[in-house]
Protein backbone atom coordinates (compact mmCIF):
# COMPACT_ATOMS: atom_id res chain seq x y z
CA MET A 1 -40.09 18.64 -27.69
CA ASP A 2 -37.73 21.75 -27.08
CA ALA A 3 -37.29 20.80 -23.37
CA ALA A 4 -36.27 17.43 -24.16
CA LEU A 5 -33.72 18.34 -27.10
CA LEU A 6 -32.29 20.83 -24.92
CA LEU A 7 -31.87 18.19 -21.74
CA ALA A 8 -30.32 15.66 -24.48
CA ARG A 9 -27.87 18.12 -25.53
CA LEU A 10 -26.96 19.18 -22.05
CA VAL A 11 -26.43 15.54 -20.68
CA LEU A 12 -24.18 15.08 -23.73
CA ALA A 13 -22.33 18.16 -23.40
CA ALA A 14 -21.64 17.09 -19.70
CA VAL A 15 -20.50 13.53 -20.55
CA PHE A 16 -18.08 15.04 -23.23
CA ALA A 17 -16.58 17.65 -21.38
CA LEU A 18 -16.09 15.47 -18.26
CA ALA A 19 -14.70 12.84 -20.44
CA GLY A 20 -12.46 15.38 -22.15
CA VAL A 21 -11.25 17.08 -19.18
CA ALA A 22 -10.30 13.93 -17.29
CA LYS A 23 -8.28 12.61 -20.34
CA LEU A 24 -6.40 15.75 -20.69
CA LEU A 25 -5.25 15.77 -16.85
CA ASP A 26 -3.87 12.16 -17.55
CA LEU A 27 -2.50 11.99 -20.99
CA GLU A 28 -0.09 9.22 -20.22
CA GLY A 29 -3.11 7.05 -19.15
CA SER A 30 -5.00 7.96 -22.33
CA ARG A 31 -1.75 6.88 -24.18
CA LYS A 32 -1.77 3.96 -22.67
CA ALA A 33 -5.37 3.18 -23.40
CA VAL A 34 -4.91 3.89 -27.03
CA ILE A 35 -2.32 1.24 -27.32
CA GLU A 36 -4.32 -1.15 -25.38
CA PHE A 37 -7.07 -0.85 -28.04
CA GLY A 38 -4.63 -2.15 -30.35
CA LEU A 39 -3.82 1.12 -32.18
CA PRO A 40 -0.12 1.60 -33.32
CA ALA A 41 2.13 2.98 -30.67
CA GLY A 42 3.42 5.79 -32.83
CA LEU A 43 -0.35 7.24 -32.80
CA ALA A 44 -0.67 6.91 -29.20
CA SER A 45 0.62 10.26 -27.96
CA PRO A 46 -1.33 12.42 -30.70
CA LEU A 47 -4.51 10.42 -30.40
CA ALA A 48 -4.01 10.78 -26.68
CA LEU A 49 -4.38 14.57 -27.12
CA LEU A 50 -6.45 14.92 -29.94
CA LEU A 51 -9.43 12.70 -28.45
CA PRO A 52 -10.11 14.90 -25.25
CA LEU A 53 -9.66 17.93 -27.37
CA ALA A 54 -12.46 16.55 -29.84
CA GLU A 55 -14.61 15.53 -26.69
CA LEU A 56 -14.49 19.26 -25.42
CA GLY A 57 -15.00 20.77 -29.06
CA VAL A 58 -18.37 18.60 -29.05
CA ALA A 59 -19.26 19.71 -25.78
CA VAL A 60 -19.05 23.26 -26.57
CA ALA A 61 -20.69 22.89 -30.02
CA LEU A 62 -23.60 21.46 -28.15
CA ILE A 63 -24.60 24.40 -26.11
CA PRO A 64 -25.63 27.07 -28.86
CA ALA A 65 -28.69 26.25 -30.88
CA SER A 66 -26.69 27.52 -34.01
CA SER A 67 -23.93 24.90 -33.50
CA ALA A 68 -26.03 22.20 -31.77
CA TRP A 69 -26.68 19.97 -34.95
CA LEU A 70 -22.94 19.80 -35.70
CA GLY A 71 -22.22 19.03 -32.09
CA ALA A 72 -24.65 16.07 -32.14
CA LEU A 73 -23.15 14.84 -35.23
CA GLY A 74 -19.39 14.96 -33.83
CA ALA A 75 -21.03 13.44 -30.61
CA LEU A 76 -22.57 10.34 -32.60
CA GLY A 77 -19.32 10.07 -34.70
CA LEU A 78 -17.15 9.37 -31.66
CA LEU A 79 -19.60 7.31 -29.92
CA LEU A 80 -19.74 4.98 -32.95
CA LEU A 81 -15.95 4.74 -33.07
CA PHE A 82 -16.02 3.93 -29.32
CA VAL A 83 -18.73 1.27 -30.20
CA ILE A 84 -16.66 -0.26 -33.04
CA GLY A 85 -13.47 -0.15 -30.96
CA ILE A 86 -15.03 -1.83 -27.96
CA THR A 87 -17.00 -4.48 -30.03
CA TYR A 88 -13.56 -5.39 -31.95
CA ASN A 89 -11.62 -6.00 -28.93
CA LEU A 90 -14.52 -8.07 -27.25
CA ALA A 91 -14.70 -10.12 -30.36
CA ARG A 92 -11.32 -10.88 -30.00
CA GLY A 93 -11.51 -11.80 -26.17
CA ARG A 94 -9.67 -8.56 -25.09
CA LYS A 95 -11.13 -6.26 -22.45
CA PRO A 96 -8.59 -3.38 -22.48
CA ASP A 97 -8.95 -0.47 -19.89
CA CYS A 98 -11.29 2.03 -21.57
CA HIS A 99 -10.19 5.14 -19.47
CA CYS A 100 -13.46 7.01 -20.47
CA PHE A 101 -13.02 9.45 -17.62
CA GLY A 102 -9.51 9.58 -16.88
CA GLN A 103 -8.78 8.60 -13.43
CA LEU A 104 -12.05 9.46 -12.29
CA HIS A 105 -13.37 6.09 -13.51
CA SER A 106 -11.20 3.60 -15.53
CA ALA A 107 -12.28 -0.19 -16.06
CA PRO A 108 -11.83 -2.85 -18.43
CA ALA A 109 -14.17 -2.21 -21.51
CA GLY A 110 -16.86 -4.66 -21.35
CA TRP A 111 -20.76 -5.31 -22.52
CA LYS A 112 -21.68 -2.63 -19.97
CA THR A 113 -19.40 0.01 -21.50
CA LEU A 114 -20.85 -0.87 -24.75
CA ALA A 115 -24.41 -0.46 -23.67
CA ARG A 116 -23.37 3.01 -22.10
CA ASN A 117 -21.98 4.31 -25.49
CA GLY A 118 -24.83 2.91 -27.35
CA VAL A 119 -27.50 4.80 -25.08
CA LEU A 120 -25.55 8.07 -25.37
CA ALA A 121 -25.44 7.40 -29.19
CA ALA A 122 -29.20 7.01 -29.35
CA VAL A 123 -29.28 10.48 -27.25
CA ALA A 124 -27.16 12.00 -29.95
CA GLY A 125 -29.05 10.36 -32.66
CA PHE A 126 -32.29 12.10 -31.43
CA VAL A 127 -30.88 15.48 -31.53
CA LEU A 128 -29.77 14.81 -35.19
CA TRP A 129 -33.18 13.56 -36.18
CA ALA A 130 -34.82 16.59 -34.68
CA GLY A 131 -32.56 19.03 -36.32
CA TYR A 132 -32.78 17.14 -39.79
CA GLU A 133 -36.56 17.25 -39.87
CA GLY A 134 -36.41 21.13 -40.03
CA GLY A 135 -37.65 21.67 -36.23
CA GLY A 136 -34.12 22.48 -35.15
CA ALA A 137 -32.08 21.15 -32.35
CA GLY A 138 -33.66 22.78 -29.69
CA PRO A 139 -33.47 26.25 -28.00
CA SER A 140 -29.84 27.91 -27.10
CA ALA A 141 -29.11 26.80 -23.76
CA ILE A 142 -27.73 30.38 -22.83
CA SER A 143 -31.08 32.19 -24.05
CA TRP A 144 -32.93 29.59 -22.23
CA LEU A 145 -30.98 30.52 -18.99
CA GLY A 146 -31.44 33.92 -19.52
CA ALA A 147 -35.19 33.57 -19.45
CA LEU A 148 -35.36 31.95 -16.27
CA SER A 149 -36.22 34.05 -12.88
CA ALA A 150 -34.05 34.54 -10.20
CA ALA A 151 -35.92 31.73 -8.21
CA GLN A 152 -35.63 29.50 -11.02
CA LEU A 153 -31.94 30.04 -11.56
CA LEU A 154 -31.46 29.46 -7.77
CA GLY A 155 -33.29 26.11 -7.88
CA LEU A 156 -31.67 24.99 -11.07
CA LEU A 157 -28.07 25.82 -9.11
CA GLY A 158 -29.52 23.80 -6.01
CA GLY A 159 -30.28 20.98 -8.43
CA VAL A 160 -26.80 20.94 -10.05
CA VAL A 161 -24.95 21.02 -6.68
CA VAL A 162 -26.99 18.11 -5.26
CA LEU A 163 -26.24 16.00 -8.56
CA ALA A 164 -22.66 16.88 -8.16
CA LEU A 165 -22.82 15.61 -4.51
CA LEU A 166 -24.66 12.63 -5.43
CA ALA A 167 -21.95 11.75 -8.25
CA GLY A 168 -19.03 12.31 -5.79
CA GLN A 169 -20.63 10.26 -3.18
CA TRP A 170 -21.11 7.47 -6.09
CA TRP A 171 -17.79 7.53 -7.27
CA PHE A 172 -16.33 7.56 -3.75
CA LEU A 173 -18.44 4.51 -2.95
CA VAL A 174 -17.16 3.11 -6.06
CA HIS A 175 -13.65 3.75 -5.55
CA LEU A 176 -13.88 2.26 -2.18
CA LEU A 177 -15.56 -0.81 -3.43
CA ARG A 178 -12.88 -1.29 -6.02
CA GLN A 179 -10.02 -1.04 -3.50
CA ASN A 180 -11.62 -3.44 -0.98
CA GLY A 181 -13.18 -5.82 -3.47
CA ARG A 182 -10.63 -8.53 -2.98
CA LEU A 183 -10.92 -8.31 0.69
CA LEU A 184 -14.58 -9.17 0.26
CA VAL A 185 -14.13 -11.69 -2.02
CA ARG A 186 -11.74 -13.61 0.23
CA LEU A 187 -14.34 -13.24 3.31
CA GLU A 188 -17.13 -14.62 0.92
CA ALA A 189 -14.73 -17.41 0.08
CA VAL A 190 -14.08 -18.07 4.02
CA GLU A 191 -17.72 -17.80 4.74
CA GLU A 192 -18.57 -20.39 2.12
CA SER A 193 -15.79 -22.74 3.56
CA ILE A 194 -17.54 -22.77 7.17
CA GLY A 195 -18.32 -26.36 7.75
CA ALA A 196 -20.64 -28.16 10.30
CA GLY A 197 -19.87 -27.21 13.95
CA GLY A 198 -18.28 -23.71 12.84
CA SER A 199 -15.12 -25.33 11.70
CA VAL A 200 -13.36 -24.19 8.60
CA VAL A 201 -12.68 -26.51 5.66
CA ALA A 202 -9.24 -25.29 4.92
CA PRO A 203 -6.67 -26.31 2.22
CA SER A 204 -4.56 -29.23 3.50
CA GLN A 205 -1.83 -31.65 2.22
CA ASN A 206 -3.40 -34.70 3.35
CA GLY A 207 -5.62 -35.39 0.60
CA SER A 208 -8.79 -34.07 2.54
CA HIS A 209 -11.58 -32.09 0.57
CA VAL A 210 -10.61 -28.51 -0.21
CA HIS A 211 -12.90 -25.84 -0.89
CA GLN A 212 -10.86 -23.58 -2.99
CA GLU A 213 -11.89 -21.15 -5.98
CA ALA A 214 -9.84 -21.34 -8.87
CA GLU A 215 -7.50 -18.59 -9.58
CA GLY A 216 -6.24 -17.48 -12.99
CA LEU A 217 -7.54 -17.45 -16.52
CA PRO A 218 -8.42 -20.59 -18.24
CA VAL A 219 -5.39 -22.28 -19.93
CA GLY A 220 -5.61 -21.38 -23.56
CA SER A 221 -7.41 -18.17 -23.34
CA GLU A 222 -6.36 -14.95 -24.69
CA ALA A 223 -3.89 -13.21 -22.59
CA PRO A 224 -5.15 -9.78 -21.71
CA GLN A 225 -2.96 -7.08 -23.57
CA PHE A 226 -1.42 -4.44 -21.43
CA SER A 227 0.98 -1.40 -21.64
CA LEU A 228 2.86 -0.20 -18.62
CA SER A 229 5.75 2.07 -17.67
CA GLY A 230 9.18 0.71 -16.89
CA LEU A 231 11.74 1.96 -14.64
CA TYR A 232 13.28 4.31 -16.86
CA GLY A 233 10.50 5.72 -18.69
CA GLU A 234 10.27 3.25 -21.43
CA THR A 235 6.87 1.58 -22.22
CA LEU A 236 6.48 -2.24 -22.36
CA THR A 237 3.56 -4.11 -23.85
CA LEU A 238 2.59 -7.83 -23.74
CA ASP A 239 3.41 -7.73 -27.77
CA ALA A 240 6.73 -6.30 -27.02
CA LEU A 241 7.46 -9.20 -24.43
CA ARG A 242 6.52 -11.83 -26.96
CA SER A 243 8.51 -10.22 -29.84
CA SER A 244 11.44 -12.76 -29.35
CA ASP A 245 8.87 -15.87 -29.81
CA LYS A 246 9.86 -17.27 -26.67
CA THR A 247 7.45 -17.99 -23.61
CA VAL A 248 6.81 -15.01 -21.42
CA MET A 249 6.87 -15.81 -17.80
CA MET A 250 4.99 -13.12 -15.87
CA LEU A 251 5.74 -12.43 -12.01
CA PHE A 252 3.46 -10.56 -10.13
CA THR A 253 5.16 -8.83 -7.13
CA ASP A 254 5.00 -5.98 -4.74
CA PRO A 255 7.83 -3.91 -3.17
CA GLY A 256 5.91 -4.11 0.39
CA CYS A 257 5.60 -7.99 0.11
CA GLY A 258 8.06 -9.94 1.94
CA PRO A 259 7.84 -13.23 0.02
CA CYS A 260 8.41 -11.12 -3.06
CA ASN A 261 11.59 -9.31 -1.71
CA ALA A 262 12.90 -12.58 -0.38
CA LEU A 263 12.59 -14.16 -4.02
CA LEU A 264 14.21 -11.22 -5.87
CA PRO A 265 17.68 -12.53 -5.75
CA GLU A 266 16.75 -15.94 -7.44
CA ILE A 267 14.54 -14.07 -10.27
CA GLY A 268 17.61 -12.05 -11.03
CA ARG A 269 19.64 -15.27 -11.75
CA TRP A 270 16.57 -16.86 -13.54
CA GLN A 271 16.58 -14.02 -15.96
CA GLU A 272 20.38 -14.45 -16.34
CA GLU A 273 20.61 -18.00 -16.62
CA HIS A 274 17.47 -18.85 -18.97
CA ALA A 275 17.45 -15.73 -21.14
CA ASN A 276 17.74 -17.91 -24.23
CA LYS A 277 14.46 -20.00 -23.33
CA LEU A 278 12.28 -17.62 -21.25
CA THR A 279 11.39 -13.79 -21.18
CA LEU A 280 10.75 -13.12 -17.49
CA SER A 281 9.01 -9.99 -16.76
CA LEU A 282 7.92 -8.74 -13.24
CA VAL A 283 4.96 -6.70 -12.83
CA SER A 284 5.15 -4.64 -9.82
CA ARG A 285 3.54 -1.48 -8.31
CA GLY A 286 4.26 1.44 -6.14
CA GLU A 287 6.91 4.41 -6.33
CA VAL A 288 9.50 3.98 -9.30
CA GLY A 289 12.49 4.67 -7.00
CA GLU A 290 11.56 1.97 -4.65
CA ASN A 291 11.34 -0.31 -7.36
CA LYS A 292 14.30 0.76 -9.19
CA THR A 293 16.47 0.37 -6.31
CA LYS A 294 15.53 -3.29 -5.77
CA ALA A 295 16.02 -4.01 -9.49
CA GLN A 296 19.52 -2.35 -9.65
CA GLU A 297 20.25 -4.49 -6.34
CA HIS A 298 19.31 -7.81 -7.93
CA ALA A 299 20.18 -6.96 -11.66
CA LEU A 300 16.34 -7.23 -12.58
CA GLU A 301 14.92 -6.59 -16.07
CA ASN A 302 11.81 -6.19 -17.61
CA VAL A 303 10.15 -4.61 -14.45
CA VAL A 304 6.94 -2.64 -15.30
CA LEU A 305 4.56 -1.02 -12.98
CA GLN A 306 0.88 -1.04 -12.78
CA LYS A 307 -0.94 1.89 -10.99
CA ASP A 308 -3.03 -0.13 -8.85
CA TRP A 309 -3.83 -3.83 -9.42
CA GLU A 310 -5.47 -3.29 -12.88
CA VAL A 311 -3.16 -5.85 -14.62
CA SER A 312 -3.39 -8.40 -11.66
CA GLU A 313 -6.93 -8.20 -11.66
CA SER A 314 -7.30 -8.78 -15.57
CA TYR A 315 -5.25 -11.82 -15.13
CA GLU A 316 -7.34 -13.03 -12.00
CA VAL A 317 -4.35 -12.98 -9.77
CA ARG A 318 -5.03 -12.72 -6.28
CA GLY A 319 -1.79 -12.68 -4.32
CA THR A 320 1.65 -12.05 -4.70
CA PRO A 321 4.21 -13.30 -5.68
CA SER A 322 2.48 -15.11 -8.30
CA ALA A 323 3.49 -16.09 -11.85
CA VAL A 324 1.84 -17.38 -14.95
CA LEU A 325 3.16 -18.44 -18.35
CA ILE A 326 2.05 -17.18 -21.78
CA SER A 327 2.89 -18.69 -24.84
CA PRO A 328 4.66 -17.03 -27.84
CA GLU A 329 1.30 -16.82 -29.51
CA GLY A 330 -0.13 -14.96 -26.63
CA LYS A 331 -2.32 -17.53 -24.81
CA ILE A 332 -2.54 -18.25 -21.05
CA SER A 333 -0.38 -21.63 -21.08
CA SER A 334 -0.30 -22.26 -17.34
CA PRO A 335 -2.66 -21.98 -14.11
CA VAL A 336 -1.30 -19.19 -11.58
CA ALA A 337 1.44 -20.08 -9.61
CA GLY A 338 1.53 -18.74 -6.05
CA GLY A 339 4.25 -18.60 -3.63
CA ALA A 340 8.11 -19.34 -3.96
CA GLU A 341 7.98 -23.07 -4.24
CA GLY A 342 4.99 -22.81 -6.83
CA ILE A 343 6.87 -20.24 -8.87
CA ARG A 344 10.03 -22.59 -8.70
CA ASP A 345 7.99 -25.44 -10.01
CA LEU A 346 6.58 -23.51 -12.78
CA LEU A 347 9.99 -22.10 -13.77
CA SER A 348 11.39 -25.75 -13.94
CA TYR A 349 8.54 -26.55 -16.54
CA ALA A 350 8.99 -23.64 -18.52
CA VAL A 351 12.81 -24.05 -19.23
CA GLY A 352 12.38 -27.69 -19.75
CA GLU A 353 13.67 -29.25 -16.46
CA ARG A 354 10.45 -31.20 -15.84
CA ALA A 355 8.16 -32.82 -18.44
CA GLN A 356 4.82 -31.77 -16.96
CA LEU A 357 3.21 -28.93 -15.58
CA PRO A 358 3.28 -29.00 -11.75
CA MET A 359 -0.15 -29.63 -9.99
CA LEU A 360 -0.63 -25.97 -8.47
CA PRO A 361 -1.88 -25.70 -4.65
CA HIS A 362 -5.03 -23.74 -5.69
CA GLN A 363 -6.10 -26.47 -8.23
CA PRO A 364 -7.65 -28.95 -5.85
CA GLN A 365 -8.36 -32.23 -7.65
CA THR A 366 -10.66 -34.91 -6.25
CA GLU A 367 -10.99 -38.50 -7.36
CA GLY A 368 -12.84 -39.14 -10.48
CA GLN A 369 -11.98 -35.56 -11.86
CA PRO A 370 -9.86 -34.75 -15.02
CA CYS A 371 -6.29 -33.48 -14.17
CA PRO A 372 -6.45 -29.80 -15.00
CA ASN A 373 -2.78 -30.43 -16.52
CA CYS A 374 -2.91 -33.80 -18.69
CA GLY A 375 -6.68 -34.47 -18.79
CA LYS A 376 -6.55 -37.90 -17.16
CA VAL A 377 -8.36 -39.12 -14.00
CA HIS A 378 -5.82 -40.00 -11.26
CA ALA A 379 -6.60 -41.91 -8.24
CA ALA A 380 -7.07 -39.91 -4.86
CA ALA A 381 -4.05 -39.09 -3.09
CA PRO A 382 -3.62 -40.98 0.16
CA THR A 383 -4.75 -39.58 3.16
CA MET A 384 -2.89 -39.03 6.22
CA PRO A 385 -3.99 -39.42 10.01
CA ALA A 386 -5.82 -36.19 11.28
CA ALA A 387 -4.26 -34.39 13.96
CA SER A 388 -5.52 -34.48 17.67
CA GLY A 389 -9.03 -33.53 17.99
CA ILE A 390 -10.58 -31.02 20.33
CA GLY A 391 -10.59 -32.01 23.88
CA GLU A 392 -7.87 -34.61 23.42
CA PRO A 393 -4.74 -34.47 25.26
CA ALA A 394 -1.83 -32.44 23.71
CA PRO A 395 1.15 -34.10 22.53
CA GLU A 396 4.20 -33.45 24.87
CA VAL A 397 6.49 -30.78 23.75
CA LYS A 398 10.22 -30.34 25.09
CA LEU A 399 12.44 -28.23 23.20
CA ALA A 400 15.44 -25.59 23.75
CA ASP A 401 15.04 -21.88 23.64
CA LEU A 402 17.28 -19.49 22.23
CA GLU A 403 19.24 -19.40 25.56
CA GLY A 404 19.60 -23.45 25.47
CA THR A 405 17.06 -23.79 28.34
CA THR A 406 14.79 -26.76 28.08
CA VAL A 407 11.06 -25.56 27.80
CA GLU A 408 8.43 -27.98 28.15
CA LEU A 409 4.45 -27.57 27.49
CA GLU A 410 3.99 -29.11 30.78
CA ASP A 411 5.43 -25.98 32.35
CA PHE A 412 2.25 -23.81 31.12
CA ARG A 413 -0.44 -26.17 32.42
CA GLY A 414 -3.37 -24.27 33.93
CA HIS A 415 -2.92 -21.38 31.69
CA GLU A 416 -4.37 -20.93 28.15
CA THR A 417 -1.41 -21.24 25.98
CA LEU A 418 -1.03 -20.61 22.15
CA VAL A 419 1.73 -22.60 20.51
CA LEU A 420 2.71 -20.68 17.26
CA PHE A 421 4.69 -22.89 14.77
CA TRP A 422 7.25 -20.72 12.82
CA ASN A 423 9.81 -21.28 10.51
CA GLN A 424 12.21 -18.14 9.94
CA GLY A 425 13.06 -19.36 6.09
CA ALA A 426 9.29 -20.18 5.41
CA ALA A 427 8.45 -16.41 4.45
CA SER A 428 9.51 -17.07 0.85
CA ALA A 429 7.04 -19.69 0.36
CA SER A 430 3.91 -17.89 1.11
CA ARG A 431 1.98 -15.05 -0.33
CA CYS A 432 0.87 -11.67 0.24
CA SER A 433 -2.64 -10.46 -0.34
CA PRO A 434 -3.02 -7.26 -2.47
CA ARG A 435 -5.33 -5.85 -0.33
């Protein structure tokens, strides 16, 4: 019994010590997490400091036998507060970033987070129950260590080192998978789209069947909350962007994305021309200086920076540039529009220049299926003749090169030739993958 109690206390102490130190090393992230959980912004800074200090105090109190019961009481109280906060947000359809272990591990709060805190609360309850029954909360960890022989101490130290190495390896693998998760998802989608004979069933403009996973959150669902830093040290939240009771258009960009950079001049004009109808905010990432230079060059406003892709992931956005509309009530009011043309069409709808939400490329529709925009069933789009098949003669090509010399495909007969169709101005209509 004593060994079980001591082990339970040591586990709780290690968890709370790690969480407290990690939060102290990332106070800004802790402050944002407090806001995302729905607490007033004015309390964010003091709570971001008090919470990790409380966790460290609990960890210290759990070590000596004399204060272990009070430490377990504090641990149970904090864990129950976490459970209540997570449950409240999940019930409202929100998944704020828990920031449980600072930058070591931070992910949207969900049922797994709730279950983890529930298990730890049960462990703290076990220690409390043992102390309340009069048997004490177990032996002192310090005296227990002092009673060990040199060989036992070396074995214990070796076990701790092995556990630390395993934990570090686990964290590295989780971090690696998280960084490359989007690429894996895209590869799986490509594998699923492999048709008979090894051909890829790709999106097309001629009405042919398209295998394509829907992108973005369902229209009408609650828009995920966020609290991000601006270019000048300010903090912008979704609630702040909605405060003017206008539709919010969130544009997901990246400073290293060519199509995004090509679209920036238009975005600056949109913000000026449609300010009375629409709040347009850019969600970017990367260095503040690089983003600030681009913002000043194009007179951009409401530019916020995500650390990695956490906001893009919460909105299920898979590429840049992309855009989505959020109603004044905080609901998703459009599918995700990808690429410059899709974003222009979405903007036209948002400012009232077109009556119906555009059919976006990532929303394939087949005959007999309800339209995701109006709910009606439309006839399938007419098909166009397919391109030349494999083995058929290639169409004749006769064009002038940059020097004015006529070049014919016939000139390359007898050699394997790759014909690349390229448009210098087409970059703004494409998208970049975030990974």
